[in-house]
């Protein structure tokens, strides 16, 4: 297939915190936010950068998911210390999916 790459349908990976839900399906990250009105976004991991800020004075760590498209706003979530490691594992799975150039064609 010309330039088409098939990615195996591995189980999705999820991370939830309060009104935030991140779901990784293969190479697509879906984000759902439901504070007042449910917002959802789908972003291909190859078009996404993740920035991690050091803990603030309350010990919360900010994760910022920034689409490479300048016109699109990023996603920010501040997490308490007990949620940082699970989010790091989610980001690790996302990075592995992005960097998996050996996926079957």
Protein backbone atom coordinates (compact mmCIF):
# COMPACT_ATOMS: atom_id res chain seq x y z
CA UNK A 1 0.00 0.00 0.00
CA UNK A 2 1.36 3.40 -0.94
CA UNK A 3 2.30 5.26 2.21
CA UNK A 4 -0.49 3.59 4.17
CA UNK A 5 0.56 2.02 7.41
CA UNK A 6 -1.62 -0.32 9.40
CA UNK A 7 -1.33 -0.05 13.17
CA UNK A 8 -2.39 -3.03 15.24
CA UNK A 9 -5.56 -2.59 17.23
CA UNK A 10 -3.98 -2.93 20.63
CA UNK A 11 -6.10 -2.16 23.66
CA UNK A 12 -6.52 1.49 24.47
CA UNK A 13 -4.68 3.17 27.35
CA UNK A 14 -6.59 5.58 29.58
CA UNK A 15 -5.80 8.16 32.22
CA UNK A 16 -8.55 9.91 34.20
CA UNK A 17 -8.32 12.72 36.74
CA UNK A 18 -11.34 14.68 37.95
CA UNK A 19 -13.05 16.06 34.81
CA UNK A 20 -10.19 15.07 32.47
CA UNK A 21 -10.06 11.83 30.50
CA UNK A 22 -7.20 10.95 28.15
CA UNK A 23 -7.55 7.88 25.92
CA UNK A 24 -4.86 6.54 23.61
CA UNK A 25 -6.12 4.38 20.72
CA UNK A 26 -3.08 3.27 18.74
CA UNK A 27 -1.68 6.58 17.50
CA UNK A 28 -4.70 8.74 18.25
CA UNK A 29 -5.05 10.52 21.58
CA UNK A 30 -8.55 11.53 22.52
CA UNK A 31 -9.16 14.08 25.24
CA UNK A 32 -12.46 14.61 27.01
CA UNK A 33 -13.15 17.41 29.47
CA UNK A 34 -16.45 17.76 31.27
CA UNK A 35 -16.43 20.61 33.79
CA UNK A 36 -19.35 22.62 32.40
CA UNK A 37 -19.79 21.37 28.86
CA UNK A 38 -18.19 18.19 27.51
CA UNK A 39 -15.32 19.07 25.22
CA UNK A 40 -13.54 16.45 23.16
CA UNK A 41 -10.51 16.51 20.90
CA UNK A 42 -8.71 13.93 18.77
CA UNK A 43 -5.04 14.43 18.00
CA UNK A 44 -2.59 12.17 16.16
CA UNK A 45 0.43 11.60 18.41
CA UNK A 46 2.85 12.62 15.66
CA UNK A 47 1.32 16.12 15.84
CA UNK A 48 1.56 16.47 19.61
CA UNK A 49 4.27 17.67 22.01
CA UNK A 50 4.14 17.11 25.78
CA UNK A 51 5.70 19.50 28.28
CA UNK A 52 6.03 18.79 31.99
CA UNK A 53 6.45 21.66 34.43
CA UNK A 54 8.21 21.15 37.77
CA UNK A 55 5.92 20.84 40.80
CA UNK A 56 4.42 24.09 42.07
CA UNK A 57 4.46 25.15 45.74
CA UNK A 58 1.46 22.88 46.40
CA UNK A 59 3.30 19.91 44.87
CA UNK A 60 1.14 19.74 41.72
CA UNK A 61 2.83 18.93 38.41
CA UNK A 62 1.47 20.48 35.22
CA UNK A 63 1.35 18.41 32.03
CA UNK A 64 0.76 20.41 28.86
CA UNK A 65 -0.21 18.65 25.64
CA UNK A 66 0.47 21.05 22.78
CA UNK A 67 -0.64 20.28 19.22
CA UNK A 68 1.98 21.34 16.69
CA UNK A 69 -0.68 23.41 14.93
CA UNK A 70 -0.16 26.96 16.22
CA UNK A 71 -3.86 27.82 15.82
CA UNK A 72 -4.91 25.08 18.24
CA UNK A 73 -4.85 25.62 21.98
CA UNK A 74 -3.03 23.15 24.18
CA UNK A 75 -4.42 20.99 26.95
CA UNK A 76 -3.22 21.60 30.50
CA UNK A 77 -3.81 19.48 33.55
CA UNK A 78 -2.29 19.95 37.03
CA UNK A 79 -1.89 16.73 38.95
CA UNK A 80 -1.23 15.95 42.60
CA UNK A 81 1.91 13.93 43.36
CA UNK A 82 0.07 10.58 43.50
CA UNK A 83 -1.21 11.03 39.93
CA UNK A 84 2.12 12.03 38.33
CA UNK A 85 3.51 8.51 37.82
CA UNK A 86 0.33 7.14 36.16
CA UNK A 87 0.34 10.16 33.80
CA UNK A 88 4.03 9.59 33.04
CA UNK A 89 3.16 6.00 32.06
CA UNK A 90 0.38 7.31 29.79
CA UNK A 91 2.80 9.78 28.18
CA UNK A 92 5.33 6.95 27.79
CA UNK A 93 2.75 4.83 25.94
CA UNK A 94 1.90 7.81 23.75
CA UNK A 95 5.56 8.45 22.97
CA UNK A 96 6.12 4.77 22.15
CA UNK A 97 3.17 4.86 19.73
CA UNK A 98 4.55 8.03 18.11
CA UNK A 99 8.05 6.61 17.77
CA UNK A 100 6.94 3.17 16.51
CA UNK A 101 8.17 3.54 12.93
CA UNK A 102 8.38 -0.23 12.53
CA UNK A 103 4.62 -0.75 12.54
CA UNK A 104 3.49 -3.24 9.89
CA UNK A 105 2.44 -1.76 6.57
